[in-house]
Amino acid sequence: MALFLQELQSTDKSPLKHVDEIKVTTITGKIMLESKREDGEYEARGEHDIDPREERLPEWDTDMDGVARLVLVSSTEAHGSLGNKNWKRPVLVADAKGMSARPGYDTLRADEFEDDPEVLDEKIKLLASLISRSKHCVAYTGAGISTSAGVSDYATKASRSKAGLNSETKKTNRLKPWEMLKAQPTYAHRSLATLHDEGFLKGWIQQNHDGLPQKAGMPQYDMNEIHGAWQDPSNPVVAMSGRLRGDLCSDLEMHCDKTDLCLTLGTSLAGMSADRIAILTGKRAQKKVKNVIGTVIVSLQRTPHDNLSCLRMYAKLDDVFEKLMKLLRLNPHPELASNQWAGRYYNLPADMTENQLVFTVPYTKDGARMKNGAKSKTLMVLDMRPGTMLRITDGPNKNDQAKIIRRDEEGNWEVELQRNAIRHKYGVWWISEAINGTGRRLPLVNLKPRFETNNSSTRGNFFRTLTKRSGSST
C-alpha cells in the first residue's frame, strides 16, 4: 500500500494535503481511495489491489517535503479534538511493514510516530492546562510506560522501534524475563507519583504487573492493578481469557463515573475490559457532559480510539513528562537505587533485623481494615519474619497457606505457596500501608494471628503519613 501511495503521488501534480477525511471503499480484491480536498470536494486517488499479506493499510504518506507523516487520518486522530488543525502531522519514525500491534485483538498497524518538537511543546502546554483544570484525573497505563525500564511489551513490532529507547544514549534497554522483577521506575512513573502527592492525580489504573508505580512512591490505596500483580499473591496475573477480580472491577467503575480527565498512557487500547475508563471518558466529553474534559492519549502507535481523544500526543512518555513537570514547576520523585526506595517511601528499609519485622496493624484476622483504622482499641500482630506461615485472604488463592522465605535486596518479601511450591513476591508497600491503616485490605495474615491493646508507642518508628512526601515539589 505504501508503494501504491508513492506511485499515486509521482503521477499527481497536486500532492496530498493534510486532510480531515478519507474515503476508503473496499470492493472485491480492490481498495478505492478518495481524499477530501481544501475546497471540500473529494478527489479520486486511484485504486489498489489488496495484497492478502498486508494485515493493515498504512495511514501515512509523504508530504511536499518528502517527509512521511500521519496524514490519512482525521485531525482529531492526529492531535485530539482540542488540538490545532493547522499543526503539522506526526512523523513516521518506525515502519512496522504491515504488522499489527496486537494480532487477534482490536488493533491497528504497529507503525510508530512522533510529533514535531514545536508541536509537542504546544501539546504539553495544553496538557498542563487540562491537568490543572481537572477535579478527578485518573491515569490508565499500559506496557508503554515501562519499556524504558527494560520491561518488554507485546505491541512493539517495528525493527527500528523507538519504544524503550534512551534519548541520551540512543540505546534500548531490555531486561531478560527473570530480571523484570528488579526493574526500576521510569521518569514517567516518578512524575505520576508526584502528581498524586500534589493532588492532581486521584487514581491509577494499571494494566501492567510490575509494581513500578509503588517503587516510585505511588501509594497502593490509590492503585488498581486490574490485570494482576507480581508483588501481590492474592492478585495473580490474569490470563487473557481469565476473570478479573470483582473488587477491582468495582473500583474501576467508580472511577468511570467520576473521572473528568483520563490520561491514557502507553496502551494500544486493543479491547481489554479496563479500556472502558478511557473510552467512556472520551465519549462523555464528546457528548458534552458537564465538567468532563475528556481522554488524553499518549503513545508512539495509533490506537482504535484516537477519534475519542481530546488531546492526542505521539511521543515517548518520559520525554512528555520531563517537559510537563517543568511547566507545572514540580519535581518528580527522585531516581533511587533499588535498595533505597523501601526506606524512603515506606519506612521499611531492606536491612531491617528480624526482630524489627513484627508489626501491629489495624486489620482483622481475615485481612479487612478495622472500622476505626489506626485508632482501633485492639490491633493485630503481624509477624513477617522468615519461616513464618501466612494465609492469603482474597483472590483465586484465597485461604492458601504461604511460608515467608526471605526479604530480597529491595526490601520486598518472598513467600512460597505451600500448595504448589510456587514463589511470589510480596511488596513492602503492603506492610507500610497496613501499619498506617491506609490500605483497604491486607492480602496476607498470620495463620493464627493474635491481637493486643493499641498502644501507639508500639508502632513508633513505623508510623508515617503517606499523603505527602518531602522533596516532591519546588
Protein backbone atom coordinates (compact mmCIF):
# COMPACT_ATOMS: atom_id res chain seq x y z
CA MET A 1 0.00 0.00 0.00
CA ALA A 2 2.86 2.38 0.78
CA LEU A 3 4.27 1.81 -2.72
CA PHE A 4 0.80 2.40 -4.13
CA LEU A 5 0.58 5.82 -2.46
CA GLN A 6 4.07 6.71 -3.66
CA GLU A 7 3.09 5.82 -7.22
CA LEU A 8 -0.04 7.96 -6.94
CA GLN A 9 1.96 10.93 -5.76
CA SER A 10 4.51 10.56 -8.55
CA THR A 11 1.74 10.88 -11.16
CA ASP A 12 -0.26 13.56 -9.37
CA LYS A 13 0.90 17.17 -9.62
CA SER A 14 -1.01 18.17 -6.50
CA PRO A 15 0.41 16.24 -3.53
CA LEU A 16 -1.96 15.01 -0.86
CA LYS A 17 -2.76 17.81 1.60
CA HIS A 18 -3.31 17.38 5.34
CA VAL A 19 -6.90 16.21 5.26
CA ASP A 20 -9.61 15.70 7.83
CA GLU A 21 -11.46 12.97 5.97
CA ILE A 22 -10.52 9.99 3.81
CA LYS A 23 -12.94 7.75 1.91
CA VAL A 24 -11.77 4.17 1.53
CA THR A 25 -14.15 1.91 -0.40
CA THR A 26 -13.42 -1.81 -0.49
CA ILE A 27 -14.68 -3.95 -3.34
CA THR A 28 -13.74 -7.48 -4.25
CA GLY A 29 -9.97 -7.62 -4.40
CA LYS A 30 -9.54 -3.82 -4.65
CA ILE A 31 -9.47 -0.70 -2.50
CA MET A 32 -10.72 2.65 -3.86
CA LEU A 33 -9.21 5.72 -2.17
CA GLU A 34 -10.60 9.27 -2.23
CA SER A 35 -9.37 12.29 -0.27
CA LYS A 36 -11.23 15.41 0.79
CA ARG A 37 -9.51 18.48 -0.63
CA GLU A 38 -9.34 22.00 0.73
CA ASP A 39 -12.38 23.07 -1.28
CA GLY A 40 -14.49 20.33 0.34
CA GLU A 41 -14.70 18.12 -2.73
CA TYR A 42 -13.50 14.52 -2.87
CA GLU A 43 -10.78 13.61 -5.33
CA ALA A 44 -10.11 10.09 -6.57
CA ARG A 45 -6.64 8.92 -5.63
CA GLY A 46 -6.79 5.65 -7.52
CA GLU A 47 -7.27 2.01 -6.72
CA HIS A 48 -5.12 -0.65 -5.15
CA ASP A 49 -5.15 -4.43 -5.45
CA ILE A 50 -5.40 -5.94 -1.97
CA ASP A 51 -2.37 -7.96 -1.01
CA PRO A 52 -3.53 -10.64 1.46
CA ARG A 53 -0.14 -10.48 3.15
CA GLU A 54 -0.84 -6.91 4.31
CA GLU A 55 -2.58 -7.05 7.69
CA ARG A 56 -3.38 -3.35 7.79
CA LEU A 57 -3.27 -0.41 5.40
CA PRO A 58 -0.79 2.35 6.22
CA GLU A 59 -2.16 5.66 7.47
CA TRP A 60 0.80 7.76 6.42
CA ASP A 61 2.02 9.35 3.20
CA THR A 62 4.84 11.72 2.28
CA ASP A 63 4.18 15.47 2.32
CA MET A 64 5.51 18.04 -0.13
CA ASP A 65 8.88 17.99 1.65
CA GLY A 66 9.19 14.25 1.28
CA VAL A 67 8.56 13.56 4.99
CA ALA A 68 6.33 10.58 5.80
CA ARG A 69 3.54 11.85 8.05
CA LEU A 70 0.28 10.61 9.54
CA VAL A 71 -1.97 12.29 7.01
CA LEU A 72 -4.55 9.61 6.20
CA VAL A 73 -6.48 10.15 9.43
CA SER A 74 -8.64 12.94 10.82
CA SER A 75 -7.29 15.93 12.71
CA THR A 76 -8.77 14.52 15.94
CA GLU A 77 -6.89 11.25 15.46
CA ALA A 78 -3.67 13.18 14.87
CA HIS A 79 -4.00 15.90 17.53
CA GLY A 80 -7.21 15.43 19.52
CA SER A 81 -10.43 17.42 19.36
CA LEU A 82 -8.86 20.30 21.32
CA GLY A 83 -5.76 20.35 19.14
CA ASN A 84 -4.97 22.83 16.39
CA LYS A 85 -5.89 21.52 12.94
CA ASN A 86 -3.02 23.52 11.47
CA TRP A 87 -0.38 21.69 13.48
CA LYS A 88 1.93 19.55 11.40
CA ARG A 89 1.03 15.89 11.36
CA PRO A 90 3.13 13.38 13.35
CA VAL A 91 6.19 11.98 11.56
CA LEU A 92 6.61 8.27 10.81
CA VAL A 93 9.67 7.14 12.80
CA ALA A 94 9.34 3.35 12.58
CA ASP A 95 7.61 1.34 9.82
CA ALA A 96 6.22 -1.98 11.04
CA LYS A 97 5.91 -3.25 7.46
CA GLY A 98 2.21 -4.01 7.71
CA MET A 99 2.31 -5.87 11.03
CA SER A 100 -0.48 -5.29 13.54
CA ALA A 101 0.31 -4.13 17.05
CA ARG A 102 -1.82 -6.80 18.78
CA PRO A 103 -2.84 -9.56 16.30
CA GLY A 104 -6.15 -11.14 17.27
CA TYR A 105 -7.38 -8.03 19.09
CA ASP A 106 -8.96 -4.72 18.13
CA THR A 107 -5.77 -3.22 16.80
CA LEU A 108 -4.06 -1.09 14.16
CA ARG A 109 -0.67 -1.23 12.48
CA ALA A 110 2.39 -1.14 14.73
CA ASP A 111 3.92 1.83 12.89
CA GLU A 112 5.34 4.46 15.25
CA PHE A 113 5.02 8.24 15.01
CA GLU A 114 6.39 11.27 16.81
CA ASP A 115 5.17 14.85 16.93
CA ASP A 116 7.48 17.58 15.67
CA PRO A 117 9.24 19.21 18.67
CA GLU A 118 7.40 22.52 18.31
CA VAL A 119 4.02 20.73 18.05
CA LEU A 120 4.82 18.55 21.04
CA ASP A 121 5.66 21.65 23.09
CA GLU A 122 2.24 23.13 22.27
CA LYS A 123 0.51 19.89 23.17
CA ILE A 124 2.32 19.70 26.50
CA LYS A 125 1.19 23.23 27.32
CA LEU A 126 -2.37 22.14 26.60
CA LEU A 127 -1.89 19.01 28.70
CA ALA A 128 -0.67 21.07 31.66
CA SER A 129 -3.76 23.28 31.48
CA LEU A 130 -6.10 20.25 31.30
CA ILE A 131 -4.49 18.64 34.35
CA SER A 132 -4.72 21.92 36.26
CA ARG A 133 -8.45 22.21 35.45
CA SER A 134 -9.31 18.61 36.30
CA LYS A 135 -11.09 17.65 39.52
CA HIS A 136 -10.79 13.87 39.12
CA CYS A 137 -7.85 12.96 36.89
CA VAL A 138 -7.02 9.26 36.53
CA ALA A 139 -4.02 7.60 34.84
CA TYR A 140 -4.65 4.50 32.73
CA THR A 141 -1.30 2.95 31.84
CA GLY A 142 -0.19 0.12 29.60
CA ALA A 143 3.10 -1.57 28.81
CA GLY A 144 4.46 1.51 27.06
CA ILE A 145 5.14 3.29 30.35
CA SER A 146 7.57 0.56 31.40
CA THR A 147 9.51 -0.12 28.19
CA SER A 148 12.22 2.40 29.08
CA ALA A 149 12.66 0.46 32.35
CA GLY A 150 13.51 -2.60 30.28
CA VAL A 151 10.15 -4.38 30.64
CA SER A 152 9.09 -5.89 27.31
CA ASP A 153 5.72 -5.21 25.71
CA TYR A 154 3.51 -7.04 23.21
CA ALA A 155 2.74 -4.29 20.73
CA THR A 156 6.21 -3.24 19.55
CA LYS A 157 6.89 -4.77 16.13
CA ALA A 158 8.99 -2.30 14.10
CA SER A 159 12.66 -3.27 13.78
CA ARG A 160 13.73 0.33 14.46
CA SER A 161 11.25 0.93 17.24
CA LYS A 162 11.62 3.98 19.47
CA ALA A 163 9.95 2.17 22.38
CA GLY A 164 12.33 1.92 25.30
CA LEU A 165 14.98 3.97 23.51
CA ASN A 166 17.07 6.13 25.83
CA SER A 167 17.02 9.68 24.47
CA GLU A 168 20.61 10.30 25.61
CA THR A 169 22.42 7.01 24.91
CA LYS A 170 20.28 6.09 21.86
CA LYS A 171 20.27 2.52 23.17
CA THR A 172 17.35 0.28 24.06
CA ASN A 173 17.29 -1.39 27.46
CA ARG A 174 15.67 -4.84 27.50
CA LEU A 175 15.65 -6.93 30.65
CA LYS A 176 15.58 -10.71 30.47
CA PRO A 177 12.37 -12.30 31.80
CA TRP A 178 13.98 -13.31 35.11
CA GLU A 179 15.29 -9.76 35.59
CA MET A 180 11.99 -7.92 35.23
CA LEU A 181 11.13 -8.14 38.94
CA LYS A 182 14.21 -5.99 39.52
CA ALA A 183 13.10 -3.24 37.10
CA GLN A 184 13.13 0.29 38.48
CA PRO A 185 10.58 3.07 37.81
CA THR A 186 10.88 5.44 34.88
CA TYR A 187 10.71 9.23 34.81
CA ALA A 188 7.01 8.91 33.90
CA HIS A 189 6.29 6.65 36.90
CA ARG A 190 8.07 9.03 39.27
CA SER A 191 6.25 12.03 37.78
CA LEU A 192 2.81 10.46 38.19
CA ALA A 193 3.64 9.69 41.84
CA THR A 194 4.40 13.38 42.36
CA LEU A 195 1.17 14.40 40.61
CA HIS A 196 -0.65 12.19 43.11
CA ASP A 197 1.21 13.80 46.02
CA GLU A 198 0.16 17.24 44.82
CA GLY A 199 -3.49 16.26 44.47
CA PHE A 200 -3.64 16.29 40.66
CA LEU A 201 -3.97 12.50 40.25
CA LYS A 202 -6.86 10.75 42.02
CA GLY A 203 -6.25 7.19 40.87
CA TRP A 204 -4.05 4.97 38.75
CA ILE A 205 -5.48 2.05 36.75
CA GLN A 206 -2.52 -0.17 35.90
CA GLN A 207 -2.61 -2.83 33.16
CA ASN A 208 0.96 -3.87 34.00
CA HIS A 209 2.03 -6.25 36.75
CA ASP A 210 5.47 -4.80 37.50
CA GLY A 211 4.94 -2.76 40.70
CA LEU A 212 6.89 0.18 39.26
CA PRO A 213 4.33 2.80 40.39
CA GLN A 214 4.74 1.66 44.00
CA LYS A 215 8.53 1.57 43.66
CA ALA A 216 8.21 5.20 42.53
CA GLY A 217 6.31 6.04 45.73
CA MET A 218 2.72 5.80 44.50
CA PRO A 219 0.57 4.57 47.43
CA GLN A 220 -1.16 1.24 46.92
CA TYR A 221 -4.50 2.55 48.22
CA ASP A 222 -4.99 4.58 45.03
CA MET A 223 -3.66 1.85 42.71
CA ASN A 224 -5.79 -0.62 40.77
CA GLU A 225 -3.73 -3.47 39.33
CA ILE A 226 -6.71 -4.86 37.49
CA HIS A 227 -4.81 -7.43 35.42
CA GLY A 228 -2.87 -8.86 38.35
CA ALA A 229 0.35 -8.03 40.18
CA TRP A 230 3.73 -9.70 40.56
CA GLN A 231 4.01 -8.42 44.16
CA ASP A 232 0.58 -9.50 45.46
CA PRO A 233 -0.04 -13.25 45.99
CA SER A 234 -3.78 -12.54 46.31
CA ASN A 235 -3.89 -10.96 42.85
CA PRO A 236 -2.00 -13.24 40.43
CA VAL A 237 -1.64 -12.26 36.79
CA VAL A 238 -4.91 -12.76 34.89
CA ALA A 239 -4.75 -14.68 31.62
CA MET A 240 -6.25 -13.01 28.55
CA SER A 241 -9.33 -15.21 28.87
CA GLY A 242 -9.41 -15.06 32.68
CA ARG A 243 -11.79 -13.31 35.06
CA LEU A 244 -10.97 -10.01 36.74
CA ARG A 245 -11.42 -9.59 40.47
CA GLY A 246 -14.79 -8.17 41.45
CA ASP A 247 -13.47 -5.57 43.90
CA LEU A 248 -11.04 -4.21 41.30
CA CYS A 249 -13.84 -4.02 38.71
CA SER A 250 -15.99 -2.09 41.22
CA ASP A 251 -13.13 0.35 41.79
CA LEU A 252 -12.77 0.76 38.01
CA GLU A 253 -16.48 1.52 37.67
CA MET A 254 -16.25 4.10 40.44
CA HIS A 255 -13.53 5.90 38.51
CA CYS A 256 -15.50 5.57 35.26
CA ASP A 257 -18.33 7.51 36.93
CA LYS A 258 -16.12 10.20 38.46
CA THR A 259 -13.27 10.76 36.00
CA ASP A 260 -13.26 14.06 34.13
CA LEU A 261 -9.77 13.58 32.61
CA CYS A 262 -8.25 10.22 31.72
CA LEU A 263 -4.51 10.15 30.98
CA THR A 264 -4.21 7.12 28.70
CA LEU A 265 -0.51 6.35 28.57
CA GLY A 266 1.39 3.73 26.61
CA THR A 267 -1.50 1.40 25.82
CA SER A 268 -2.73 0.14 22.46
CA LEU A 269 -6.38 0.14 23.66
CA ALA A 270 -6.82 -3.19 21.91
CA GLY A 271 -10.03 -4.28 23.59
CA MET A 272 -9.23 -5.04 27.23
CA SER A 273 -12.16 -4.64 29.66
CA ALA A 274 -10.34 -1.89 31.53
CA ASP A 275 -10.15 0.20 28.33
CA ARG A 276 -13.63 1.41 29.23
CA ILE A 277 -12.14 4.08 31.55
CA ALA A 278 -10.56 5.78 28.51
CA ILE A 279 -13.43 5.09 26.11
CA LEU A 280 -16.27 6.21 28.39
CA THR A 281 -14.47 9.39 29.46
CA GLY A 282 -13.86 10.27 25.81
CA LYS A 283 -17.48 9.62 24.86
CA ARG A 284 -18.82 11.62 27.79
CA ALA A 285 -16.67 14.57 26.76
CA GLN A 286 -17.91 14.34 23.17
CA LYS A 287 -21.49 14.34 24.47
CA LYS A 288 -20.54 17.48 26.42
CA VAL A 289 -21.36 16.02 29.81
CA LYS A 290 -20.91 18.82 32.31
CA ASN A 291 -17.35 19.30 33.62
CA VAL A 292 -15.94 16.30 31.71
CA ILE A 293 -12.72 17.29 29.90
CA GLY A 294 -12.02 14.06 28.04
CA THR A 295 -9.35 11.47 27.28
CA VAL A 296 -5.70 12.25 26.58
CA ILE A 297 -3.85 9.53 24.67
CA VAL A 298 -0.05 9.45 24.63
CA SER A 299 1.80 6.72 22.74
CA LEU A 300 4.02 6.16 19.73
CA GLN A 301 1.48 3.92 17.98
CA ARG A 302 -2.04 4.65 16.84
CA THR A 303 -4.98 3.22 18.77
CA PRO A 304 -8.52 2.28 17.61
CA HIS A 305 -9.93 5.04 19.84
CA ASP A 306 -7.86 8.06 18.82
CA ASN A 307 -11.08 9.58 17.48
CA LEU A 308 -12.27 9.91 21.10
CA SER A 309 -9.26 11.87 22.30
CA CYS A 310 -9.42 15.48 23.40
CA LEU A 311 -5.62 15.56 23.09
CA ARG A 312 -3.57 13.05 21.09
CA MET A 313 0.19 13.06 21.58
CA TYR A 314 2.74 10.94 19.71
CA ALA A 315 5.87 10.81 21.83
CA LYS A 316 7.86 8.80 24.36
CA LEU A 317 6.29 9.15 27.78
CA ASP A 318 9.48 10.10 29.60
CA ASP A 319 10.03 12.96 27.14
CA VAL A 320 6.49 14.22 27.69
CA PHE A 321 6.71 14.13 31.48
CA GLU A 322 10.11 15.79 31.58
CA LYS A 323 8.65 18.87 29.90
CA LEU A 324 5.30 18.65 31.69
CA MET A 325 6.84 18.66 35.15
CA LYS A 326 8.88 21.76 34.32
CA LEU A 327 5.74 23.55 33.16
CA LEU A 328 3.93 22.57 36.37
CA ARG A 329 7.01 23.56 38.41
CA LEU A 330 7.14 20.16 40.08
CA ASN A 331 9.96 17.71 40.68
CA PRO A 332 9.37 14.02 40.07
CA HIS A 333 10.21 11.64 42.85
CA PRO A 334 13.98 11.09 42.81
CA GLU A 335 15.68 8.24 40.99
CA LEU A 336 16.82 5.88 43.74
CA ALA A 337 18.98 2.80 43.96
CA SER A 338 16.99 -0.44 44.16
CA ASN A 339 17.76 -0.84 47.88
CA GLN A 340 16.74 2.72 48.83
CA TRP A 341 13.10 3.27 47.91
CA ALA A 342 11.67 0.88 50.57
CA GLY A 343 13.22 3.00 53.30
CA ARG A 344 12.48 6.39 51.74
CA TYR A 345 8.83 5.84 50.78
CA TYR A 346 7.72 3.12 53.20
CA ASN A 347 9.98 3.42 56.31
CA LEU A 348 10.83 -0.27 55.96
CA PRO A 349 14.45 -0.36 54.75
CA ALA A 350 15.77 -3.57 53.25
CA ASP A 351 18.39 -4.04 56.00
CA MET A 352 15.99 -4.33 58.96
CA THR A 353 16.79 -7.04 61.51
CA GLU A 354 14.43 -9.96 62.15
CA ASN A 355 13.35 -8.50 65.48
CA GLN A 356 12.08 -5.43 63.62
CA LEU A 357 9.81 -7.48 61.37
CA VAL A 358 6.92 -7.83 63.83
CA PHE A 359 4.25 -5.14 63.49
CA THR A 360 0.86 -4.20 64.90
CA VAL A 361 -1.79 -3.32 62.33
CA PRO A 362 -5.50 -2.30 62.41
CA TYR A 363 -6.82 -5.30 60.47
CA THR A 364 -8.95 -8.33 61.27
CA LYS A 365 -7.89 -11.97 61.02
CA ASP A 366 -9.46 -12.00 57.52
CA GLY A 367 -7.47 -9.01 56.28
CA ALA A 368 -10.29 -6.44 56.48
CA ARG A 369 -9.42 -2.99 57.80
CA MET A 370 -10.89 -2.32 61.24
CA LYS A 371 -13.69 0.23 61.38
CA ASN A 372 -11.67 2.81 63.30
CA GLY A 373 -8.44 2.14 61.43
CA ALA A 374 -5.27 3.11 63.30
CA LYS A 375 -7.42 4.38 66.20
CA SER A 376 -8.87 0.93 66.88
CA LYS A 377 -8.69 -0.25 70.52
CA THR A 378 -7.04 -3.51 69.54
CA LEU A 379 -4.51 -4.25 66.81
CA MET A 380 -3.48 -7.44 65.09
CA VAL A 381 0.11 -8.58 65.48
CA LEU A 382 1.66 -9.24 62.07
CA ASP A 383 4.79 -11.41 62.20
CA MET A 384 6.75 -11.07 58.93
CA ARG A 385 9.93 -12.91 59.97
CA PRO A 386 11.40 -15.63 57.70
CA GLY A 387 9.87 -19.05 58.35
CA THR A 388 6.50 -17.65 59.49
CA MET A 389 3.35 -19.16 57.99
CA LEU A 390 0.75 -16.88 56.36
CA ARG A 391 -2.72 -17.21 54.89
CA ILE A 392 -3.92 -15.48 51.70
CA THR A 393 -7.14 -13.54 52.38
CA ASP A 394 -8.53 -12.83 48.90
CA GLY A 395 -8.48 -13.68 45.21
CA PRO A 396 -8.13 -17.05 43.45
CA ASN A 397 -5.55 -18.21 46.03
CA LYS A 398 -7.80 -17.36 48.97
CA ASN A 399 -7.09 -19.41 52.12
CA ASP A 400 -3.94 -20.93 50.62
CA GLN A 401 -1.02 -21.05 53.02
CA ALA A 402 2.33 -19.44 52.28
CA LYS A 403 5.66 -19.51 54.05
CA ILE A 404 7.94 -16.47 54.30
CA ILE A 405 11.30 -17.34 52.73
CA ARG A 406 13.22 -14.06 52.99
CA ARG A 407 13.30 -10.37 52.18
CA ASP A 408 15.04 -9.52 48.91
CA GLU A 409 17.60 -6.81 48.26
CA GLU A 410 14.84 -4.27 47.52
CA GLY A 411 13.01 -4.98 50.76
CA ASN A 412 10.11 -6.99 49.34
CA TRP A 413 9.17 -10.29 50.94
CA GLU A 414 9.42 -13.60 49.10
CA VAL A 415 6.81 -16.21 50.03
CA GLU A 416 6.23 -19.78 48.88
CA LEU A 417 2.75 -21.22 48.39
CA GLN A 418 2.52 -24.50 50.22
CA ARG A 419 0.04 -25.95 47.72
CA ASN A 420 2.37 -25.87 44.73
CA ALA A 421 5.75 -24.57 45.99
CA ILE A 422 5.47 -21.56 43.67
CA ARG A 423 7.23 -18.46 45.00
CA HIS A 424 5.73 -14.97 44.88
CA LYS A 425 6.95 -11.52 45.78
CA TYR A 426 5.03 -9.51 48.37
CA GLY A 427 5.55 -5.76 48.02
CA VAL A 428 6.90 -3.87 51.03
CA TRP A 429 4.25 -1.19 50.43
CA TRP A 430 1.51 -3.57 51.65
CA ILE A 431 3.09 -3.74 55.10
CA SER A 432 3.68 0.01 55.28
CA GLU A 433 0.05 0.77 54.46
CA ALA A 434 -1.13 -1.90 56.88
CA ILE A 435 0.81 -0.23 59.70
CA ASN A 436 -0.75 3.11 58.84
CA GLY A 437 -4.21 1.64 58.30
CA THR A 438 -4.49 3.27 54.87
CA GLY A 439 -4.77 0.07 52.82
CA ARG A 440 -8.24 -1.15 52.01
CA ARG A 441 -7.26 -4.76 52.67
CA LEU A 442 -4.33 -6.88 53.83
CA PRO A 443 -3.55 -9.70 51.35
CA LEU A 444 -1.64 -11.90 53.84
CA VAL A 445 -2.19 -12.53 57.56
CA ASN A 446 -0.55 -14.90 60.01
CA LEU A 447 -2.03 -18.38 60.15
CA LYS A 448 -3.08 -17.91 63.78
CA PRO A 449 -2.97 -14.15 64.37
CA ARG A 450 -3.05 -12.70 67.86
CA PHE A 451 -4.28 -9.30 69.00
CA GLU A 452 -3.14 -6.78 71.59
CA THR A 453 -4.30 -3.49 73.05
CA ASN A 454 -3.49 -0.48 70.88
CA ASN A 455 -0.53 1.32 72.37
CA SER A 456 0.76 3.97 69.97
CA SER A 457 4.29 3.59 71.32
CA THR A 458 4.48 0.03 69.98
CA ARG A 459 4.03 1.38 66.49
CA GLY A 460 6.62 4.11 66.98
CA ASN A 461 9.16 4.34 64.17
CA PHE A 462 6.96 2.51 61.70
CA PHE A 463 4.14 5.05 61.55
CA ARG A 464 4.16 7.65 58.84
CA THR A 465 1.66 9.63 56.76
CA LEU A 466 1.54 8.70 53.09
CA THR A 467 -0.37 11.71 51.82
CA LYS A 468 2.66 13.99 51.43
CA ARG A 469 6.33 13.30 50.85
CA SER A 470 9.31 15.58 51.19
CA GLY A 471 11.11 16.61 48.02
CA SER A 472 8.11 16.33 45.74
CA SER A 473 7.84 19.94 44.73
CA THR A 474 9.97 23.04 44.29
